[in-house]
């Protein structure tokens, strides 16, 4: 992946295809540590709507013009 270029499903699938099939899929935890991923979700997203450091830049929205796969972390 090039700097500043978003990863697409095809690229992620190619990367994952080289990983062990029994490896866990984890994401960053809320403030630290790692969390399990729940089922990926296809959704509509608005890009670059947040500027705060504590929020990710994008937002899930029915008005979104971009389709995205979202990997939500499992709540404890």
PDB file of N, CA and C in Angstrom:
ATOM      1  N   UNK A   1       0.843  -1.173   0.000  1.00  0.00           N
ATOM      2  CA  UNK A   1       0.000   0.000   0.000  1.00  0.00           C
ATOM      3  C   UNK A   1       0.889   1.237   0.000  1.00  0.00           C
ATOM      4  N   UNK A   2       0.561   2.197  -0.819  1.00  0.00           N
ATOM      5  CA  UNK A   2       1.309   3.445  -0.899  1.00  0.00           C
ATOM      6  C   UNK A   2       0.822   4.416   0.158  1.00  0.00           C
ATOM      7  N   UNK A   3       1.726   5.252   0.647  1.00  0.00           N
ATOM      8  CA  UNK A   3       1.350   6.255   1.645  1.00  0.00           C
ATOM      9  C   UNK A   3       0.268   7.165   1.077  1.00  0.00           C
ATOM     10  N   UNK A   4      -0.792   7.400   1.853  1.00  0.00           N
ATOM     11  CA  UNK A   4      -1.863   8.281   1.428  1.00  0.00           C
ATOM     12  C   UNK A   4      -2.894   7.635   0.526  1.00  0.00           C
ATOM     13  N   UNK A   5      -2.725   6.330   0.237  1.00  0.00           N
ATOM     14  CA  UNK A   5      -3.675   5.621  -0.618  1.00  0.00           C
ATOM     15  C   UNK A   5      -4.432   4.625   0.248  1.00  0.00           C
ATOM     16  N   UNK A   6      -5.771   4.674   0.184  1.00  0.00           N
ATOM     17  CA  UNK A   6      -6.584   3.786   1.002  1.00  0.00           C
ATOM     18  C   UNK A   6      -6.485   2.353   0.495  1.00  0.00           C
ATOM     19  N   UNK A   7      -6.523   1.411   1.415  1.00  0.00           N
ATOM     20  CA  UNK A   7      -6.492  -0.003   1.068  1.00  0.00           C
ATOM     21  C   UNK A   7      -7.868  -0.429   0.588  1.00  0.00           C
ATOM     22  N   UNK A   8      -7.911  -1.218  -0.452  1.00  0.00           N
ATOM     23  CA  UNK A   8      -9.152  -1.764  -1.002  1.00  0.00           C
ATOM     24  C   UNK A   8      -9.260  -3.241  -0.624  1.00  0.00           C
ATOM     25  N   UNK A   9     -10.443  -3.818  -0.764  1.00  0.00           N
ATOM     26  CA  UNK A   9     -10.697  -5.211  -0.392  1.00  0.00           C
ATOM     27  C   UNK A   9      -9.742  -6.153  -1.122  1.00  0.00           C
ATOM     28  N   UNK A  10      -9.517  -5.915  -2.412  1.00  0.00           N
ATOM     29  CA  UNK A  10      -8.626  -6.791  -3.189  1.00  0.00           C
ATOM     30  C   UNK A  10      -7.231  -6.854  -2.569  1.00  0.00           C
ATOM     31  N   UNK A  11      -6.681  -5.694  -2.193  1.00  0.00           N
ATOM     32  CA  UNK A  11      -5.351  -5.671  -1.600  1.00  0.00           C
ATOM     33  C   UNK A  11      -5.338  -6.371  -0.239  1.00  0.00           C
ATOM     34  N   UNK A  12      -6.359  -6.120   0.574  1.00  0.00           N
ATOM     35  CA  UNK A  12      -6.441  -6.776   1.877  1.00  0.00           C
ATOM     36  C   UNK A  12      -6.543  -8.287   1.707  1.00  0.00           C
ATOM     37  N   UNK A  13      -7.355  -8.751   0.752  1.00  0.00           N
ATOM     38  CA  UNK A  13      -7.505 -10.192   0.512  1.00  0.00           C
ATOM     39  C   UNK A  13      -6.181 -10.811   0.090  1.00  0.00           C
ATOM     40  N   UNK A  14      -5.424 -10.112  -0.748  1.00  0.00           N
ATOM     41  CA  UNK A  14      -4.115 -10.627  -1.171  1.00  0.00           C
ATOM     42  C   UNK A  14      -3.163 -10.752   0.007  1.00  0.00           C
ATOM     43  N   UNK A  15      -3.173  -9.747   0.881  1.00  0.00           N
ATOM     44  CA  UNK A  15      -2.309  -9.790   2.067  1.00  0.00           C
ATOM     45  C   UNK A  15      -2.740 -10.914   2.994  1.00  0.00           C
ATOM     46  N   UNK A  16      -4.052 -11.007   3.259  1.00  0.00           N
ATOM     47  CA  UNK A  16      -4.559 -12.034   4.171  1.00  0.00           C
ATOM     48  C   UNK A  16      -4.358 -13.436   3.620  1.00  0.00           C
ATOM     49  N   UNK A  17      -4.375 -13.592   2.306  1.00  0.00           N
ATOM     50  CA  UNK A  17      -4.200 -14.926   1.711  1.00  0.00           C
ATOM     51  C   UNK A  17      -2.821 -15.508   1.996  1.00  0.00           C
ATOM     52  N   UNK A  18      -1.872 -14.666   2.387  1.00  0.00           N
ATOM     53  CA  UNK A  18      -0.515 -15.114   2.699  1.00  0.00           C
ATOM     54  C   UNK A  18      -0.323 -15.402   4.183  1.00  0.00           C
ATOM     55  N   UNK A  19      -1.358 -15.143   4.978  1.00  0.00           N
ATOM     56  CA  UNK A  19      -1.290 -15.331   6.430  1.00  0.00           C
ATOM     57  C   UNK A  19      -1.838 -16.700   6.815  1.00  0.00           C
ATOM     58  N   UNK A  20      -1.438 -17.211   7.979  1.00  0.00           N
ATOM     59  CA  UNK A  20      -1.980 -18.490   8.443  1.00  0.00           C
ATOM     60  C   UNK A  20      -3.499 -18.418   8.615  1.00  0.00           C
ATOM     61  N   UNK A  21      -4.208 -19.436   8.148  1.00  0.00           N
ATOM     62  CA  UNK A  21      -5.673 -19.457   8.220  1.00  0.00           C
ATOM     63  C   UNK A  21      -6.213 -19.459   9.639  1.00  0.00           C
ATOM     64  N   UNK A  22      -5.414 -19.904  10.609  1.00  0.00           N
ATOM     65  CA  UNK A  22      -5.906 -19.983  11.980  1.00  0.00           C
ATOM     66  C   UNK A  22      -5.436 -18.808  12.846  1.00  0.00           C
ATOM     67  N   UNK A  23      -4.841 -17.782  12.217  1.00  0.00           N
ATOM     68  CA  UNK A  23      -4.396 -16.604  12.974  1.00  0.00           C
ATOM     69  C   UNK A  23      -5.611 -15.755  13.378  1.00  0.00           C
ATOM     70  N   UNK A  24      -5.554 -15.164  14.569  1.00  0.00           N
ATOM     71  CA  UNK A  24      -6.609 -14.267  15.028  1.00  0.00           C
ATOM     72  C   UNK A  24      -6.587 -12.974  14.222  1.00  0.00           C
ATOM     73  N   UNK A  25      -7.737 -12.329  14.102  1.00  0.00           N
ATOM     74  CA  UNK A  25      -7.833 -10.985  13.522  1.00  0.00           C
ATOM     75  C   UNK A  25      -8.163 -10.050  14.675  1.00  0.00           C
ATOM     76  N   UNK A  26      -7.278  -9.081  14.925  1.00  0.00           N
ATOM     77  CA  UNK A  26      -7.445  -8.165  16.050  1.00  0.00           C
ATOM     78  C   UNK A  26      -7.365  -6.721  15.569  1.00  0.00           C
ATOM     79  N   UNK A  27      -7.941  -5.810  16.335  1.00  0.00           N
ATOM     80  CA  UNK A  27      -7.849  -4.369  16.075  1.00  0.00           C
ATOM     81  C   UNK A  27      -7.393  -3.675  17.348  1.00  0.00           C
ATOM     82  N   UNK A  28      -6.979  -2.421  17.206  1.00  0.00           N
ATOM     83  CA  UNK A  28      -6.589  -1.642  18.373  1.00  0.00           C
ATOM     84  C   UNK A  28      -7.743  -1.569  19.351  1.00  0.00           C
ATOM     85  N   UNK A  29      -7.437  -1.665  20.637  1.00  0.00           N
ATOM     86  CA  UNK A  29      -8.452  -1.523  21.666  1.00  0.00           C
ATOM     87  C   UNK A  29      -8.847  -0.069  21.844  1.00  0.00           C
ATOM     88  N   UNK A  30      -9.809   0.170  22.701  1.00  0.00           N
ATOM     89  CA  UNK A  30     -10.339   1.527  22.910  1.00  0.00           C
ATOM     90  C   UNK A  30      -9.247   2.507  23.326  1.00  0.00           C
ATOM     91  N   UNK A  31      -8.485   2.157  24.359  1.00  0.00           N
ATOM     92  CA  UNK A  31      -7.397   3.042  24.793  1.00  0.00           C
ATOM     93  C   UNK A  31      -6.053   2.348  24.746  1.00  0.00           C
ATOM     94  N   UNK A  32      -6.047   1.055  24.621  1.00  0.00           N
ATOM     95  CA  UNK A  32      -4.808   0.291  24.574  1.00  0.00           C
ATOM     96  C   UNK A  32      -5.140  -1.173  24.411  1.00  0.00           C
ATOM     97  N   UNK A  33      -4.139  -1.980  24.264  1.00  0.00           N
ATOM     98  CA  UNK A  33      -4.354  -3.403  24.083  1.00  0.00           C
ATOM     99  C   UNK A  33      -4.936  -3.714  22.718  1.00  0.00           C
ATOM    100  N   UNK A  34      -5.412  -4.933  22.562  1.00  0.00           N
ATOM    101  CA  UNK A  34      -5.981  -5.420  21.308  1.00  0.00           C
ATOM    102  C   UNK A  34      -7.327  -6.065  21.566  1.00  0.00           C
ATOM    103  N   UNK A  35      -8.233  -6.004  20.596  1.00  0.00           N
ATOM    104  CA  UNK A  35      -9.573  -6.583  20.717  1.00  0.00           C
ATOM    105  C   UNK A  35      -9.873  -7.468  19.525  1.00  0.00           C
ATOM    106  N   UNK A  36     -10.756  -8.455  19.736  1.00  0.00           N
ATOM    107  CA  UNK A  36     -11.217  -9.290  18.648  1.00  0.00           C
ATOM    108  C   UNK A  36     -12.117  -8.485  17.718  1.00  0.00           C
ATOM    109  N   UNK A  37     -12.250  -8.954  16.492  1.00  0.00           N
ATOM    110  CA  UNK A  37     -13.104  -8.328  15.488  1.00  0.00           C
ATOM    111  C   UNK A  37     -14.406  -9.100  15.408  1.00  0.00           C
ATOM    112  N   UNK A  38     -15.525  -8.381  15.277  1.00  0.00           N
ATOM    113  CA  UNK A  38     -16.795  -9.032  14.999  1.00  0.00           C
ATOM    114  C   UNK A  38     -16.972  -9.095  13.485  1.00  0.00           C
ATOM    115  N   UNK A  39     -18.048  -9.648  13.017  1.00  0.00           N
ATOM    116  CA  UNK A  39     -18.277  -9.838  11.584  1.00  0.00           C
ATOM    117  C   UNK A  39     -18.114  -8.524  10.824  1.00  0.00           C
ATOM    118  N   UNK A  40     -17.326  -8.521   9.740  1.00  0.00           N
ATOM    119  CA  UNK A  40     -17.177  -7.307   8.928  1.00  0.00           C
ATOM    120  C   UNK A  40     -18.532  -6.851   8.397  1.00  0.00           C
ATOM    121  N   UNK A  41     -18.683  -5.536   8.226  1.00  0.00           N
ATOM    122  CA  UNK A  41     -19.947  -4.956   7.795  1.00  0.00           C
ATOM    123  C   UNK A  41     -19.703  -4.065   6.583  1.00  0.00           C
ATOM    124  N   UNK A  42     -20.504  -4.265   5.518  1.00  0.00           N
ATOM    125  CA  UNK A  42     -20.472  -3.388   4.359  1.00  0.00           C
ATOM    126  C   UNK A  42     -21.411  -2.226   4.638  1.00  0.00           C
ATOM    127  N   UNK A  43     -20.916  -0.997   4.508  1.00  0.00           N
ATOM    128  CA  UNK A  43     -21.711   0.172   4.868  1.00  0.00           C
ATOM    129  C   UNK A  43     -21.353   1.357   3.983  1.00  0.00           C
ATOM    130  N   UNK A  44     -22.159   2.411   4.073  1.00  0.00           N
ATOM    131  CA  UNK A  44     -21.885   3.660   3.370  1.00  0.00           C
ATOM    132  C   UNK A  44     -21.143   4.599   4.325  1.00  0.00           C
ATOM    133  N   UNK A  45     -20.150   5.317   3.799  1.00  0.00           N
ATOM    134  CA  UNK A  45     -19.287   6.149   4.621  1.00  0.00           C
ATOM    135  C   UNK A  45     -19.129   7.529   3.988  1.00  0.00           C
ATOM    136  N   UNK A  46     -19.119   8.560   4.836  1.00  0.00           N
ATOM    137  CA  UNK A  46     -18.729   9.902   4.414  1.00  0.00           C
ATOM    138  C   UNK A  46     -17.264  10.073   4.807  1.00  0.00           C
ATOM    139  N   UNK A  47     -16.450  10.522   3.866  1.00  0.00           N
ATOM    140  CA  UNK A  47     -15.017  10.669   4.116  1.00  0.00           C
ATOM    141  C   UNK A  47     -14.681  12.056   4.662  1.00  0.00           C
ATOM    142  N   UNK A  48     -13.673  12.084   5.521  1.00  0.00           N
ATOM    143  CA  UNK A  48     -13.058  13.320   6.015  1.00  0.00           C
ATOM    144  C   UNK A  48     -14.065  14.297   6.627  1.00  0.00           C
ATOM    145  N   UNK A  49     -14.916  13.784   7.523  1.00  0.00           N
ATOM    146  CA  UNK A  49     -15.892  14.649   8.191  1.00  0.00           C
ATOM    147  C   UNK A  49     -15.453  15.079   9.590  1.00  0.00           C
ATOM    148  N   UNK A  50     -14.457  14.388  10.158  1.00  0.00           N
ATOM    149  CA  UNK A  50     -13.965  14.723  11.496  1.00  0.00           C
ATOM    150  C   UNK A  50     -12.540  15.264  11.408  1.00  0.00           C
ATOM    151  N   UNK A  51     -12.258  16.270  12.215  1.00  0.00           N
ATOM    152  CA  UNK A  51     -10.901  16.818  12.272  1.00  0.00           C
ATOM    153  C   UNK A  51     -10.257  16.640  13.646  1.00  0.00           C
ATOM    154  N   UNK A  52     -11.033  16.186  14.630  1.00  0.00           N
ATOM    155  CA  UNK A  52     -10.510  16.003  15.983  1.00  0.00           C
ATOM    156  C   UNK A  52      -9.537  14.828  16.009  1.00  0.00           C
ATOM    157  N   UNK A  53      -8.482  14.944  16.820  1.00  0.00           N
ATOM    158  CA  UNK A  53      -7.491  13.882  16.934  1.00  0.00           C
ATOM    159  C   UNK A  53      -8.068  12.604  17.531  1.00  0.00           C
ATOM    160  N   UNK A  54      -9.090  12.728  18.370  1.00  0.00           N
ATOM    161  CA  UNK A  54      -9.632  11.573  19.080  1.00  0.00           C
ATOM    162  C   UNK A  54     -10.676  10.815  18.262  1.00  0.00           C
ATOM    163  N   UNK A  55     -11.077  11.318  17.111  1.00  0.00           N
ATOM    164  CA  UNK A  55     -12.006  10.624  16.217  1.00  0.00           C
ATOM    165  C   UNK A  55     -11.269  10.190  14.960  1.00  0.00           C
ATOM    166  N   UNK A  56     -11.725   9.088  14.385  1.00  0.00           N
ATOM    167  CA  UNK A  56     -11.258   8.753  13.050  1.00  0.00           C
ATOM    168  C   UNK A  56     -11.828   9.765  12.069  1.00  0.00           C
ATOM    169  N   UNK A  57     -11.198   9.967  10.922  1.00  0.00           N
ATOM    170  CA  UNK A  57     -11.638  11.028  10.018  1.00  0.00           C
ATOM    171  C   UNK A  57     -12.966  10.746   9.310  1.00  0.00           C
ATOM    172  N   UNK A  58     -13.374   9.493   9.215  1.00  0.00           N
ATOM    173  CA  UNK A  58     -14.550   9.138   8.422  1.00  0.00           C
ATOM    174  C   UNK A  58     -15.720   8.758   9.326  1.00  0.00           C
ATOM    175  N   UNK A  59     -16.960   8.793   8.750  1.00  0.00           N
ATOM    176  CA  UNK A  59     -18.158   8.495   9.533  1.00  0.00           C
ATOM    177  C   UNK A  59     -19.106   7.602   8.738  1.00  0.00           C
ATOM    178  N   UNK A  60     -19.618   6.575   9.397  1.00  0.00           N
ATOM    179  CA  UNK A  60     -20.648   5.732   8.799  1.00  0.00           C
ATOM    180  C   UNK A  60     -21.921   6.561   8.674  1.00  0.00           C
ATOM    181  N   UNK A  61     -22.548   6.555   7.486  1.00  0.00           N
ATOM    182  CA  UNK A  61     -23.716   7.400   7.271  1.00  0.00           C
ATOM    183  C   UNK A  61     -24.523   6.898   6.086  1.00  0.00           C
ATOM    184  N   UNK A  62     -25.855   6.880   6.196  1.00  0.00           N
ATOM    185  CA  UNK A  62     -26.676   6.492   5.042  1.00  0.00           C
ATOM    186  C   UNK A  62     -26.522   7.477   3.888  1.00  0.00           C
ATOM    187  N   UNK A  63     -26.038   8.688   4.162  1.00  0.00           N
ATOM    188  CA  UNK A  63     -25.795   9.679   3.108  1.00  0.00           C
ATOM    189  C   UNK A  63     -24.413   9.519   2.477  1.00  0.00           C
ATOM    190  N   UNK A  64     -23.614   8.573   3.003  1.00  0.00           N
ATOM    191  CA  UNK A  64     -22.255   8.384   2.505  1.00  0.00           C
ATOM    192  C   UNK A  64     -22.226   7.981   1.041  1.00  0.00           C
ATOM    193  N   UNK A  65     -21.201   8.415   0.359  1.00  0.00           N
ATOM    194  CA  UNK A  65     -21.059   8.132  -1.072  1.00  0.00           C
ATOM    195  C   UNK A  65     -20.004   7.065  -1.355  1.00  0.00           C
ATOM    196  N   UNK A  66     -19.373   6.564  -0.305  1.00  0.00           N
ATOM    197  CA  UNK A  66     -18.312   5.564  -0.454  1.00  0.00           C
ATOM    198  C   UNK A  66     -18.722   4.294   0.272  1.00  0.00           C
ATOM    199  N   UNK A  67     -18.601   3.142  -0.404  1.00  0.00           N
ATOM    200  CA  UNK A  67     -18.831   1.856   0.271  1.00  0.00           C
ATOM    201  C   UNK A  67     -17.550   1.460   0.982  1.00  0.00           C
ATOM    202  N   UNK A  68     -17.692   0.938   2.182  1.00  0.00           N
ATOM    203  CA  UNK A  68     -16.529   0.510   2.962  1.00  0.00           C
ATOM    204  C   UNK A  68     -16.874  -0.729   3.761  1.00  0.00           C
ATOM    205  N   UNK A  69     -15.882  -1.565   3.971  1.00  0.00           N
ATOM    206  CA  UNK A  69     -15.982  -2.695   4.887  1.00  0.00           C
ATOM    207  C   UNK A  69     -15.461  -2.203   6.230  1.00  0.00           C
ATOM    208  N   UNK A  70     -16.274  -2.322   7.269  1.00  0.00           N
ATOM    209  CA  UNK A  70     -15.883  -1.872   8.595  1.00  0.00           C
ATOM    210  C   UNK A  70     -15.649  -3.091   9.474  1.00  0.00           C
ATOM    211  N   UNK A  71     -14.495  -3.127  10.122  1.00  0.00           N
ATOM    212  CA  UNK A  71     -14.177  -4.179  11.087  1.00  0.00           C
ATOM    213  C   UNK A  71     -14.355  -3.583  12.478  1.00  0.00           C
ATOM    214  N   UNK A  72     -15.499  -3.836  13.086  1.00  0.00           N
ATOM    215  CA  UNK A  72     -15.756  -3.337  14.432  1.00  0.00           C
ATOM    216  C   UNK A  72     -15.058  -4.229  15.436  1.00  0.00           C
ATOM    217  N   UNK A  73     -14.578  -3.617  16.502  1.00  0.00           N
ATOM    218  CA  UNK A  73     -13.960  -4.423  17.562  1.00  0.00           C
ATOM    219  C   UNK A  73     -15.048  -4.974  18.467  1.00  0.00           C
ATOM    220  N   UNK A  74     -14.778  -6.130  19.022  1.00  0.00           N
ATOM    221  CA  UNK A  74     -15.717  -6.788  19.932  1.00  0.00           C
ATOM    222  C   UNK A  74     -15.742  -6.037  21.241  1.00  0.00           C
ATOM    223  N   UNK A  75     -16.942  -5.723  21.724  1.00  0.00           N
ATOM    224  CA  UNK A  75     -17.069  -5.076  23.041  1.00  0.00           C
ATOM    225  C   UNK A  75     -16.906  -6.138  24.104  1.00  0.00           C
ATOM    226  N   UNK A  76     -16.243  -5.778  25.176  1.00  0.00           N
ATOM    227  CA  UNK A  76     -16.010  -6.740  26.272  1.00  0.00           C
ATOM    228  C   UNK A  76     -17.264  -6.990  27.061  1.00  0.00           C
TER     229      UNK A  76
END
